[in-house]
Protein backbone atom coordinates (compact mmCIF):
# COMPACT_ATOMS: atom_id res chain seq x y z
CA MET A 1 77.04 103.26 126.17
CA LYS A 2 79.87 105.15 123.13
CA GLU A 3 82.52 102.43 124.67
CA ILE A 4 80.37 99.52 122.96
CA PHE A 5 80.68 100.94 119.27
CA GLY A 6 84.74 101.34 119.48
CA ILE A 7 84.50 97.35 120.65
CA MET A 8 81.98 96.59 117.50
CA MET A 9 84.43 98.37 115.47
CA SER A 10 87.41 96.85 116.71
CA LEU A 11 86.03 93.97 116.53
CA ALA A 12 84.86 93.47 112.87
CA PHE A 13 87.82 95.61 111.02
CA THR A 14 90.13 93.44 113.15
CA LEU A 15 87.90 90.42 111.97
CA ALA A 16 87.56 91.04 108.61
CA PHE A 17 90.60 89.69 107.54
CA ALA A 18 90.36 86.10 108.95
CA PRO A 19 88.24 84.07 106.81
CA GLN A 20 90.78 84.93 103.76
CA ILE A 21 93.25 83.56 106.33
CA ILE A 22 91.66 80.55 107.36
CA LYS A 23 91.03 79.85 103.54
CA THR A 24 94.73 80.66 103.22
CA LEU A 25 96.56 78.60 106.03
CA GLN A 26 93.43 75.93 104.83
CA THR A 27 93.95 75.78 100.77
CA LYS A 28 97.84 77.07 101.00
CA ASP A 29 96.36 79.01 97.53
CA VAL A 30 96.43 82.57 96.58
CA SER A 31 95.61 82.66 92.93
CA GLY A 32 92.67 85.26 92.45
CA VAL A 33 93.85 86.72 95.83
CA SER A 34 94.49 91.07 94.80
CA THR A 35 97.25 92.25 97.70
CA GLY A 36 96.62 96.27 96.71
CA VAL A 37 93.70 96.29 99.25
CA TYR A 38 96.52 94.67 101.87
CA TRP A 39 99.00 96.86 100.66
CA LEU A 40 96.43 100.46 101.02
CA SER A 41 95.28 98.76 104.33
CA LEU A 42 98.93 98.75 105.71
CA LEU A 43 99.49 101.87 105.21
CA GLY A 44 96.36 103.03 106.45
CA TYR A 45 96.89 100.81 109.99
CA ILE A 46 99.73 102.97 109.77
CA ALA A 47 98.18 106.17 109.56
CA GLY A 48 95.79 105.11 112.13
CA ILE A 49 98.33 104.66 114.90
CA LEU A 50 100.49 107.45 114.10
CA HIS A 51 97.22 109.61 113.69
CA THR A 52 95.58 108.28 117.14
CA TYR A 53 98.80 109.00 118.80
CA LEU A 54 99.50 112.59 117.72
CA CYS A 55 96.05 114.06 117.48
CA ILE A 56 94.13 112.15 119.91
CA GLY A 57 96.78 110.33 122.74
CA PHE A 58 95.62 107.35 124.27
CA ASP A 59 92.57 105.56 123.14
CA LEU A 60 92.22 101.74 123.72
CA TRP A 61 89.60 100.49 120.77
CA LEU A 62 91.56 102.52 118.80
CA TYR A 63 95.12 101.15 119.02
CA LEU A 64 93.54 97.77 119.25
CA ASN A 65 91.67 98.00 116.11
CA PHE A 66 94.56 99.85 114.64
CA GLY A 67 96.82 97.13 116.17
CA LEU A 68 95.28 94.17 115.81
CA GLY A 69 94.31 95.16 111.87
CA LEU A 70 97.80 95.78 111.02
CA LEU A 71 99.51 92.30 112.53
CA LEU A 72 96.90 90.31 110.43
CA THR A 73 97.57 92.26 107.27
CA VAL A 74 101.11 91.83 107.83
CA TRP A 75 100.38 88.28 108.63
CA PHE A 76 98.20 88.02 105.14
CA LEU A 77 100.67 90.26 103.03
CA TRP A 78 103.58 86.97 104.54
CA LEU A 79 101.16 84.36 103.92
CA HIS A 80 100.24 85.32 100.34
CA ARG A 81 104.51 85.88 99.61
CA ARG A 82 104.97 82.21 100.66
CA TYR A 83 101.85 80.55 98.95
CA GLN A 84 102.36 82.78 95.91
CA ARG A 85 103.11 80.16 92.39
CA PRO A 86 106.42 81.52 90.96
CA PHE A 87 105.40 82.29 87.26
């Protein structure tokens, strides 16, 4: 039963970034999107992976959550840099 909550957590946190990535890919427009939340998320995902490794051990759903979230965050930050208009 508790595995279901791990699956739900991983899906929710991982897929939370997907709409912004999809919109950016479709419009190639990142104006009005602040990267602050993505940089903080990047830090949080790295800290989460390290914490899980050092304090918890192997937990598939936590590694899946943090790993996929980290990948999506890095992808969006790359998209933001690519489509950012010069001043």
